[in-house]
Amino acid sequence: MAKSLLLFDFDGVLADSLDLYSEAVARCLERIGTPIVKNREDYLVLFDGNFYESMAARGVDLATFAQAAREILPRIDYGAMQPFPGLIPSPSRGGR
């Protein structure tokens, strides 16, 4: 019997994680003294191409950034992420 696998990209596809991650990256960069992300647009520009290459091109020491991320990311409230509107049916529309 053939089995099926459904694979979903969670962050930014099913759940609105943009603000959560842009804030986390900004905090990491601030901690290491390279505050190149001041707002959401600054964060999104880093994805023009490869995220890490973009940061390195802007003077970010990636090893130092990774260390800051190891300290900051565990403190993020991932439960604050919400699914995009319309992904979970409301009880009035036949949801459970």
PDB file of N, CA and C in Angstrom:
ATOM      1  N   MET A   1       0.841  -1.168   0.000  1.00  0.00           N
ATOM      2  CA  MET A   1       0.000   0.000   0.000  1.00  0.00           C
ATOM      3  C   MET A   1       0.896   1.244   0.000  1.00  0.00           C
ATOM      4  N   ALA A   2       0.626   2.140  -0.894  1.00  0.00           N
ATOM      5  CA  ALA A   2       1.379   3.394  -0.976  1.00  0.00           C
ATOM      6  C   ALA A   2       0.964   4.317   0.157  1.00  0.00           C
ATOM      7  N   LYS A   3       1.934   5.002   0.698  1.00  0.00           N
ATOM      8  CA  LYS A   3       1.660   5.962   1.761  1.00  0.00           C
ATOM      9  C   LYS A   3       1.890   7.358   1.216  1.00  0.00           C
ATOM     10  N   SER A   4       1.146   8.293   1.757  1.00  0.00           N
ATOM     11  CA  SER A   4       1.284   9.684   1.346  1.00  0.00           C
ATOM     12  C   SER A   4       1.889  10.485   2.478  1.00  0.00           C
ATOM     13  N   LEU A   5       2.604  11.498   2.112  1.00  0.00           N
ATOM     14  CA  LEU A   5       3.192  12.409   3.077  1.00  0.00           C
ATOM     15  C   LEU A   5       2.839  13.823   2.661  1.00  0.00           C
ATOM     16  N   LEU A   6       2.265  14.562   3.580  1.00  0.00           N
ATOM     17  CA  LEU A   6       1.997  15.975   3.341  1.00  0.00           C
ATOM     18  C   LEU A   6       3.008  16.772   4.144  1.00  0.00           C
ATOM     19  N   LEU A   7       3.689  17.671   3.482  1.00  0.00           N
ATOM     20  CA  LEU A   7       4.703  18.483   4.128  1.00  0.00           C
ATOM     21  C   LEU A   7       4.332  19.947   3.951  1.00  0.00           C
ATOM     22  N   PHE A   8       4.275  20.675   5.051  1.00  0.00           N
ATOM     23  CA  PHE A   8       3.904  22.079   5.007  1.00  0.00           C
ATOM     24  C   PHE A   8       5.055  22.934   5.508  1.00  0.00           C
ATOM     25  N   ASP A   9       5.255  24.062   4.883  1.00  0.00           N
ATOM     26  CA  ASP A   9       6.185  25.073   5.362  1.00  0.00           C
ATOM     27  C   ASP A   9       5.414  25.894   6.384  1.00  0.00           C
ATOM     28  N   PHE A  10       5.791  25.811   7.624  1.00  0.00           N
ATOM     29  CA  PHE A  10       5.032  26.428   8.714  1.00  0.00           C
ATOM     30  C   PHE A  10       5.236  27.937   8.790  1.00  0.00           C
ATOM     31  N   ASP A  11       6.487  28.356   9.024  1.00  0.00           N
ATOM     32  CA  ASP A  11       6.782  29.771   9.241  1.00  0.00           C
ATOM     33  C   ASP A  11       6.535  30.597   7.993  1.00  0.00           C
ATOM     34  N   GLY A  12       5.649  31.559   8.121  1.00  0.00           N
ATOM     35  CA  GLY A  12       5.364  32.471   7.030  1.00  0.00           C
ATOM     36  C   GLY A  12       4.408  31.935   5.994  1.00  0.00           C
ATOM     37  N   VAL A  13       4.029  30.674   6.111  1.00  0.00           N
ATOM     38  CA  VAL A  13       3.068  30.073   5.189  1.00  0.00           C
ATOM     39  C   VAL A  13       1.785  29.747   5.943  1.00  0.00           C
ATOM     40  N   LEU A  14       1.906  28.980   6.995  1.00  0.00           N
ATOM     41  CA  LEU A  14       0.747  28.653   7.828  1.00  0.00           C
ATOM     42  C   LEU A  14       0.616  29.615   9.010  1.00  0.00           C
ATOM     43  N   ALA A  15       1.748  29.988   9.571  1.00  0.00           N
ATOM     44  CA  ALA A  15       1.737  30.885  10.737  1.00  0.00           C
ATOM     45  C   ALA A  15       2.426  32.194  10.388  1.00  0.00           C
ATOM     46  N   ASP A  16       1.870  33.275  10.885  1.00  0.00           N
ATOM     47  CA  ASP A  16       2.427  34.599  10.657  1.00  0.00           C
ATOM     48  C   ASP A  16       3.570  34.820  11.646  1.00  0.00           C
ATOM     49  N   SER A  17       4.783  34.507  11.227  1.00  0.00           N
ATOM     50  CA  SER A  17       5.953  34.582  12.099  1.00  0.00           C
ATOM     51  C   SER A  17       6.847  35.776  11.801  1.00  0.00           C
ATOM     52  N   LEU A  18       6.460  36.623  10.865  1.00  0.00           N
ATOM     53  CA  LEU A  18       7.321  37.715  10.427  1.00  0.00           C
ATOM     54  C   LEU A  18       7.725  38.643  11.573  1.00  0.00           C
ATOM     55  N   ASP A  19       6.776  39.140  12.319  1.00  0.00           N
ATOM     56  CA  ASP A  19       7.110  40.067  13.411  1.00  0.00           C
ATOM     57  C   ASP A  19       7.963  39.392  14.484  1.00  0.00           C
ATOM     58  N   LEU A  20       7.643  38.152  14.795  1.00  0.00           N
ATOM     59  CA  LEU A  20       8.377  37.415  15.821  1.00  0.00           C
ATOM     60  C   LEU A  20       9.849  37.288  15.443  1.00  0.00           C
ATOM     61  N   TYR A  21      10.122  36.851  14.215  1.00  0.00           N
ATOM     62  CA  TYR A  21      11.506  36.637  13.797  1.00  0.00           C
ATOM     63  C   TYR A  21      12.238  37.935  13.488  1.00  0.00           C
ATOM     64  N   SER A  22      11.546  38.924  12.938  1.00  0.00           N
ATOM     65  CA  SER A  22      12.242  40.186  12.674  1.00  0.00           C
ATOM     66  C   SER A  22      12.675  40.822  13.996  1.00  0.00           C
ATOM     67  N   GLU A  23      11.840  40.718  15.017  1.00  0.00           N
ATOM     68  CA  GLU A  23      12.208  41.229  16.341  1.00  0.00           C
ATOM     69  C   GLU A  23      13.364  40.434  16.940  1.00  0.00           C
ATOM     70  N   ALA A  24      13.345  39.118  16.794  1.00  0.00           N
ATOM     71  CA  ALA A  24      14.419  38.283  17.335  1.00  0.00           C
ATOM     72  C   ALA A  24      15.750  38.601  16.659  1.00  0.00           C
ATOM     73  N   VAL A  25      15.731  38.733  15.341  1.00  0.00           N
ATOM     74  CA  VAL A  25      16.964  39.053  14.611  1.00  0.00           C
ATOM     75  C   VAL A  25      17.455  40.441  15.017  1.00  0.00           C
ATOM     76  N   ALA A  26      16.547  41.399  15.134  1.00  0.00           N
ATOM     77  CA  ALA A  26      16.932  42.745  15.560  1.00  0.00           C
ATOM     78  C   ALA A  26      17.576  42.710  16.948  1.00  0.00           C
ATOM     79  N   ARG A  27      17.031  41.917  17.849  1.00  0.00           N
ATOM     80  CA  ARG A  27      17.596  41.806  19.203  1.00  0.00           C
ATOM     81  C   ARG A  27      18.984  41.183  19.168  1.00  0.00           C
ATOM     82  N   CYS A  28      19.160  40.157  18.350  1.00  0.00           N
ATOM     83  CA  CYS A  28      20.478  39.523  18.216  1.00  0.00           C
ATOM     84  C   CYS A  28      21.500  40.515  17.666  1.00  0.00           C
ATOM     85  N   LEU A  29      21.114  41.236  16.633  1.00  0.00           N
ATOM     86  CA  LEU A  29      22.026  42.195  16.010  1.00  0.00           C
ATOM     87  C   LEU A  29      22.352  43.345  16.961  1.00  0.00           C
ATOM     88  N   GLU A  30      21.374  43.787  17.715  1.00  0.00           N
ATOM     89  CA  GLU A  30      21.608  44.835  18.708  1.00  0.00           C
ATOM     90  C   GLU A  30      22.603  44.344  19.757  1.00  0.00           C
ATOM     91  N   ARG A  31      22.420  43.120  20.201  1.00  0.00           N
ATOM     92  CA  ARG A  31      23.294  42.556  21.236  1.00  0.00           C
ATOM     93  C   ARG A  31      24.745  42.499  20.780  1.00  0.00           C
ATOM     94  N   ILE A  32      24.972  42.230  19.499  1.00  0.00           N
ATOM     95  CA  ILE A  32      26.358  42.109  19.025  1.00  0.00           C
ATOM     96  C   ILE A  32      26.901  43.430  18.481  1.00  0.00           C
ATOM     97  N   GLY A  33      26.126  44.491  18.607  1.00  0.00           N
ATOM     98  CA  GLY A  33      26.609  45.804  18.213  1.00  0.00           C
ATOM     99  C   GLY A  33      26.575  46.082  16.724  1.00  0.00           C
ATOM    100  N   THR A  34      25.709  45.365  16.008  1.00  0.00           N
ATOM    101  CA  THR A  34      25.548  45.581  14.567  1.00  0.00           C
ATOM    102  C   THR A  34      24.059  45.735  14.271  1.00  0.00           C
ATOM    103  N   PRO A  35      23.455  46.827  14.710  1.00  0.00           N
ATOM    104  CA  PRO A  35      21.997  46.977  14.586  1.00  0.00           C
ATOM    105  C   PRO A  35      21.552  47.392  13.174  1.00  0.00           C
ATOM    106  N   ILE A  36      21.693  46.483  12.227  1.00  0.00           N
ATOM    107  CA  ILE A  36      21.336  46.803  10.842  1.00  0.00           C
ATOM    108  C   ILE A  36      19.845  46.638  10.569  1.00  0.00           C
ATOM    109  N   VAL A  37      19.110  46.056  11.504  1.00  0.00           N
ATOM    110  CA  VAL A  37      17.663  45.882  11.341  1.00  0.00           C
ATOM    111  C   VAL A  37      16.948  46.817  12.310  1.00  0.00           C
ATOM    112  N   LYS A  38      16.314  47.824  11.751  1.00  0.00           N
ATOM    113  CA  LYS A  38      15.568  48.792  12.561  1.00  0.00           C
ATOM    114  C   LYS A  38      14.063  48.578  12.464  1.00  0.00           C
ATOM    115  N   ASN A  39      13.627  47.892  11.384  1.00  0.00           N
ATOM    116  CA  ASN A  39      12.195  47.696  11.159  1.00  0.00           C
ATOM    117  C   ASN A  39      11.987  46.462  10.275  1.00  0.00           C
ATOM    118  N   ARG A  40      10.755  46.174  10.015  1.00  0.00           N
ATOM    119  CA  ARG A  40      10.369  45.004   9.220  1.00  0.00           C
ATOM    120  C   ARG A  40      11.003  45.039   7.820  1.00  0.00           C
ATOM    121  N   GLU A  41      11.032  46.217   7.201  1.00  0.00           N
ATOM    122  CA  GLU A  41      11.584  46.334   5.852  1.00  0.00           C
ATOM    123  C   GLU A  41      13.079  46.006   5.834  1.00  0.00           C
ATOM    124  N   ASP A  42      13.819  46.478   6.860  1.00  0.00           N
ATOM    125  CA  ASP A  42      15.245  46.153   6.958  1.00  0.00           C
ATOM    126  C   ASP A  42      15.446  44.644   7.043  1.00  0.00           C
ATOM    127  N   TYR A  43      14.584  43.987   7.796  1.00  0.00           N
ATOM    128  CA  TYR A  43      14.657  42.533   7.948  1.00  0.00           C
ATOM    129  C   TYR A  43      14.384  41.835   6.621  1.00  0.00           C
ATOM    130  N   LEU A  44      13.350  42.241   5.931  1.00  0.00           N
ATOM    131  CA  LEU A  44      12.979  41.594   4.676  1.00  0.00           C
ATOM    132  C   LEU A  44      14.043  41.756   3.606  1.00  0.00           C
ATOM    133  N   VAL A  45      14.751  42.873   3.614  1.00  0.00           N
ATOM    134  CA  VAL A  45      15.824  43.096   2.631  1.00  0.00           C
ATOM    135  C   VAL A  45      16.909  42.031   2.765  1.00  0.00           C
ATOM    136  N   LEU A  46      17.106  41.510   3.965  1.00  0.00           N
ATOM    137  CA  LEU A  46      18.125  40.477   4.167  1.00  0.00           C
ATOM    138  C   LEU A  46      17.822  39.197   3.391  1.00  0.00           C
ATOM    139  N   PHE A  47      16.584  39.038   2.947  1.00  0.00           N
ATOM    140  CA  PHE A  47      16.204  37.836   2.203  1.00  0.00           C
ATOM    141  C   PHE A  47      16.308  38.021   0.697  1.00  0.00           C
ATOM    142  N   ASP A  48      16.815  39.176   0.255  1.00  0.00           N
ATOM    143  CA  ASP A  48      17.128  39.348  -1.162  1.00  0.00           C
ATOM    144  C   ASP A  48      18.411  38.561  -1.413  1.00  0.00           C
ATOM    145  N   GLY A  49      18.261  37.327  -1.827  1.00  0.00           N
ATOM    146  CA  GLY A  49      19.394  36.412  -1.908  1.00  0.00           C
ATOM    147  C   GLY A  49      19.432  35.571  -0.646  1.00  0.00           C
ATOM    148  N   ASN A  50      20.608  35.187  -0.222  1.00  0.00           N
ATOM    149  CA  ASN A  50      20.799  34.353   0.956  1.00  0.00           C
ATOM    150  C   ASN A  50      20.850  35.224   2.213  1.00  0.00           C
ATOM    151  N   PHE A  51      20.061  34.873   3.205  1.00  0.00           N
ATOM    152  CA  PHE A  51      19.957  35.636   4.446  1.00  0.00           C
ATOM    153  C   PHE A  51      21.327  35.867   5.085  1.00  0.00           C
ATOM    154  N   TYR A  52      22.109  34.814   5.245  1.00  0.00           N
ATOM    155  CA  TYR A  52      23.393  34.929   5.934  1.00  0.00           C
ATOM    156  C   TYR A  52      24.423  35.680   5.090  1.00  0.00           C
ATOM    157  N   GLU A  53      24.416  35.469   3.796  1.00  0.00           N
ATOM    158  CA  GLU A  53      25.314  36.234   2.930  1.00  0.00           C
ATOM    159  C   GLU A  53      24.967  37.720   2.976  1.00  0.00           C
ATOM    160  N   SER A  54      23.679  38.035   3.034  1.00  0.00           N
ATOM    161  CA  SER A  54      23.253  39.431   3.124  1.00  0.00           C
ATOM    162  C   SER A  54      23.746  40.068   4.420  1.00  0.00           C
ATOM    163  N   MET A  55      23.653  39.328   5.518  1.00  0.00           N
ATOM    164  CA  MET A  55      24.116  39.875   6.792  1.00  0.00           C
ATOM    165  C   MET A  55      25.634  40.068   6.774  1.00  0.00           C
ATOM    166  N   ALA A  56      26.360  39.073   6.261  1.00  0.00           N
ATOM    167  CA  ALA A  56      27.819  39.181   6.200  1.00  0.00           C
ATOM    168  C   ALA A  56      28.234  40.369   5.330  1.00  0.00           C
ATOM    169  N   ALA A  57      27.520  40.584   4.226  1.00  0.00           N
ATOM    170  CA  ALA A  57      27.835  41.714   3.337  1.00  0.00           C
ATOM    171  C   ALA A  57      27.602  43.053   4.026  1.00  0.00           C
ATOM    172  N   ARG A  58      26.785  43.066   5.070  1.00  0.00           N
ATOM    173  CA  ARG A  58      26.502  44.297   5.824  1.00  0.00           C
ATOM    174  C   ARG A  58      27.337  44.396   7.092  1.00  0.00           C
ATOM    175  N   GLY A  59      28.364  43.537   7.186  1.00  0.00           N
ATOM    176  CA  GLY A  59      29.311  43.637   8.298  1.00  0.00           C
ATOM    177  C   GLY A  59      28.993  42.826   9.531  1.00  0.00           C
ATOM    178  N   VAL A  60      28.052  41.909   9.438  1.00  0.00           N
ATOM    179  CA  VAL A  60      27.694  41.085  10.598  1.00  0.00           C
ATOM    180  C   VAL A  60      28.661  39.908  10.696  1.00  0.00           C
ATOM    181  N   ASP A  61      29.244  39.730  11.876  1.00  0.00           N
ATOM    182  CA  ASP A  61      30.068  38.555  12.145  1.00  0.00           C
ATOM    183  C   ASP A  61      29.100  37.404  12.427  1.00  0.00           C
ATOM    184  N   LEU A  62      29.054  36.432  11.527  1.00  0.00           N
ATOM    185  CA  LEU A  62      28.044  35.377  11.623  1.00  0.00           C
ATOM    186  C   LEU A  62      28.228  34.470  12.838  1.00  0.00           C
ATOM    187  N   ALA A  63      29.459  34.228  13.241  1.00  0.00           N
ATOM    188  CA  ALA A  63      29.685  33.394  14.432  1.00  0.00           C
ATOM    189  C   ALA A  63      29.175  34.098  15.689  1.00  0.00           C
ATOM    190  N   THR A  64      29.408  35.401  15.765  1.00  0.00           N
ATOM    191  CA  THR A  64      28.923  36.170  16.907  1.00  0.00           C
ATOM    192  C   THR A  64      27.408  36.253  16.890  1.00  0.00           C
ATOM    193  N   PHE A  65      26.832  36.415  15.697  1.00  0.00           N
ATOM    194  CA  PHE A  65      25.372  36.430  15.560  1.00  0.00           C
ATOM    195  C   PHE A  65      24.787  35.095  16.028  1.00  0.00           C
ATOM    196  N   ALA A  66      25.417  33.985  15.623  1.00  0.00           N
ATOM    197  CA  ALA A  66      24.926  32.660  16.012  1.00  0.00           C
ATOM    198  C   ALA A  66      24.949  32.494  17.527  1.00  0.00           C
ATOM    199  N   GLN A  67      25.990  32.997  18.172  1.00  0.00           N
ATOM    200  CA  GLN A  67      26.067  32.914  19.632  1.00  0.00           C
ATOM    201  C   GLN A  67      24.936  33.712  20.272  1.00  0.00           C
ATOM    202  N   ALA A  68      24.683  34.909  19.771  1.00  0.00           N
ATOM    203  CA  ALA A  68      23.587  35.722  20.304  1.00  0.00           C
ATOM    204  C   ALA A  68      22.250  35.021  20.082  1.00  0.00           C
ATOM    205  N   ALA A  69      22.087  34.406  18.925  1.00  0.00           N
ATOM    206  CA  ALA A  69      20.846  33.687  18.622  1.00  0.00           C
ATOM    207  C   ALA A  69      20.637  32.521  19.590  1.00  0.00           C
ATOM    208  N   ARG A  70      21.720  31.819  19.941  1.00  0.00           N
ATOM    209  CA  ARG A  70      21.595  30.705  20.899  1.00  0.00           C
ATOM    210  C   ARG A  70      21.116  31.194  22.263  1.00  0.00           C
ATOM    211  N   GLU A  71      21.399  32.437  22.582  1.00  0.00           N
ATOM    212  CA  GLU A  71      20.959  32.994  23.859  1.00  0.00           C
ATOM    213  C   GLU A  71      19.537  33.555  23.782  1.00  0.00           C
ATOM    214  N   ILE A  72      19.192  34.160  22.662  1.00  0.00           N
ATOM    215  CA  ILE A  72      17.912  34.867  22.533  1.00  0.00           C
ATOM    216  C   ILE A  72      16.772  33.968  22.057  1.00  0.00           C
ATOM    217  N   LEU A  73      17.018  33.120  21.090  1.00  0.00           N
ATOM    218  CA  LEU A  73      15.930  32.326  20.500  1.00  0.00           C
ATOM    219  C   LEU A  73      15.196  31.429  21.493  1.00  0.00           C
ATOM    220  N   PRO A  74      15.865  30.818  22.465  1.00  0.00           N
ATOM    221  CA  PRO A  74      15.112  29.997  23.426  1.00  0.00           C
ATOM    222  C   PRO A  74      14.118  30.790  24.276  1.00  0.00           C
ATOM    223  N   ARG A  75      14.283  32.108  24.334  1.00  0.00           N
ATOM    224  CA  ARG A  75      13.399  32.948  25.152  1.00  0.00           C
ATOM    225  C   ARG A  75      12.204  33.488  24.378  1.00  0.00           C
ATOM    226  N   ILE A  76      12.116  33.168  23.111  1.00  0.00           N
ATOM    227  CA  ILE A  76      11.010  33.660  22.285  1.00  0.00           C
ATOM    228  C   ILE A  76       9.731  32.919  22.660  1.00  0.00           C
ATOM    229  N   ASP A  77       8.635  33.638  22.683  1.00  0.00           N
ATOM    230  CA  ASP A  77       7.329  33.041  22.942  1.00  0.00           C
ATOM    231  C   ASP A  77       6.742  32.564  21.606  1.00  0.00           C
ATOM    232  N   TYR A  78       7.096  31.346  21.205  1.00  0.00           N
ATOM    233  CA  TYR A  78       6.623  30.809  19.933  1.00  0.00           C
ATOM    234  C   TYR A  78       5.111  30.618  19.932  1.00  0.00           C
ATOM    235  N   GLY A  79       4.521  30.521  21.106  1.00  0.00           N
ATOM    236  CA  GLY A  79       3.071  30.406  21.211  1.00  0.00           C
ATOM    237  C   GLY A  79       2.341  31.662  20.772  1.00  0.00           C
ATOM    238  N   ALA A  80       3.079  32.759  20.651  1.00  0.00           N
ATOM    239  CA  ALA A  80       2.462  34.012  20.205  1.00  0.00           C
ATOM    240  C   ALA A  80       2.183  34.009  18.700  1.00  0.00           C
ATOM    241  N   MET A  81       2.805  33.090  17.974  1.00  0.00           N
ATOM    242  CA  MET A  81       2.539  32.999  16.533  1.00  0.00           C
ATOM    243  C   MET A  81       1.114  32.525  16.308  1.00  0.00           C
ATOM    244  N   GLN A  82       0.449  33.136  15.393  1.00  0.00           N
ATOM    245  CA  GLN A  82      -0.927  32.777  15.069  1.00  0.00           C
ATOM    246  C   GLN A  82      -1.014  32.332  13.612  1.00  0.00           C
ATOM    247  N   PRO A  83      -1.914  31.408  13.323  1.00  0.00           N
ATOM    248  CA  PRO A  83      -2.114  31.045  11.914  1.00  0.00           C
ATOM    249  C   PRO A  83      -2.687  32.236  11.152  1.00  0.00           C
ATOM    250  N   PHE A  84      -2.404  32.265   9.869  1.00  0.00           N
ATOM    251  CA  PHE A  84      -2.982  33.320   9.045  1.00  0.00           C
ATOM    252  C   PHE A  84      -4.501  33.193   9.067  1.00  0.00           C
ATOM    253  N   PRO A  85      -5.200  34.307   8.982  1.00  0.00           N
ATOM    254  CA  PRO A  85      -6.674  34.273   8.995  1.00  0.00           C
ATOM    255  C   PRO A  85      -7.219  33.340   7.910  1.00  0.00           C
ATOM    256  N   GLY A  86      -8.216  32.584   8.281  1.00  0.00           N
ATOM    257  CA  GLY A  86      -8.877  31.695   7.336  1.00  0.00           C
ATOM    258  C   GLY A  86      -8.332  30.277   7.285  1.00  0.00           C
ATOM    259  N   LEU A  87      -7.217  30.010   7.956  1.00  0.00           N
ATOM    260  CA  LEU A  87      -6.658  28.656   7.927  1.00  0.00           C
ATOM    261  C   LEU A  87      -7.377  27.711   8.888  1.00  0.00           C
ATOM    262  N   ILE A  88      -7.915  28.255   9.932  1.00  0.00           N
ATOM    263  CA  ILE A  88      -8.660  27.431  10.918  1.00  0.00           C
ATOM    264  C   ILE A  88     -10.121  27.851  10.805  1.00  0.00           C
ATOM    265  N   PRO A  89     -10.981  26.901  10.476  1.00  0.00           N
ATOM    266  CA  PRO A  89     -12.403  27.257  10.350  1.00  0.00           C
ATOM    267  C   PRO A  89     -12.960  27.738  11.677  1.00  0.00           C
ATOM    268  N   SER A  90     -13.811  28.721  11.607  1.00  0.00           N
ATOM    269  CA  SER A  90     -14.459  29.214  12.813  1.00  0.00           C
ATOM    270  C   SER A  90     -15.593  28.273  13.172  1.00  0.00           C
ATOM    271  N   PRO A  91     -15.969  28.181  14.451  1.00  0.00           N
ATOM    272  CA  PRO A  91     -17.061  27.292  14.866  1.00  0.00           C
ATOM    273  C   PRO A  91     -18.368  27.562  14.124  1.00  0.00           C
ATOM    274  N   SER A  92     -18.602  28.795  13.755  1.00  0.00           N
ATOM    275  CA  SER A  92     -19.856  29.132  13.056  1.00  0.00           C
ATOM    276  C   SER A  92     -19.861  28.648  11.612  1.00  0.00           C
ATOM    277  N   ARG A  93     -18.692  28.222  11.111  1.00  0.00           N
ATOM    278  CA  ARG A  93     -18.612  27.769   9.723  1.00  0.00           C
ATOM    279  C   ARG A  93     -18.371  26.263   9.643  1.00  0.00           C
ATOM    280  N   GLY A  94     -18.711  25.553  10.686  1.00  0.00           N
ATOM    281  CA  GLY A  94     -18.588  24.092  10.642  1.00  0.00           C
ATOM    282  C   GLY A  94     -17.314  23.559  11.276  1.00  0.00           C
ATOM    283  N   GLY A  95     -16.473  24.426  11.861  1.00  0.00           N
ATOM    284  CA  GLY A  95     -15.257  23.959  12.532  1.00  0.00           C
ATOM    285  C   GLY A  95     -15.613  23.364  13.880  1.00  0.00           C
ATOM    286  N   ARG A  96     -14.656  22.728  14.492  1.00  0.00           N
ATOM    287  CA  ARG A  96     -14.899  22.106  15.801  1.00  0.00           C
ATOM    288  C   ARG A  96     -14.390  22.959  16.913  1.00  0.00           C
TER     289      ARG A  96
END
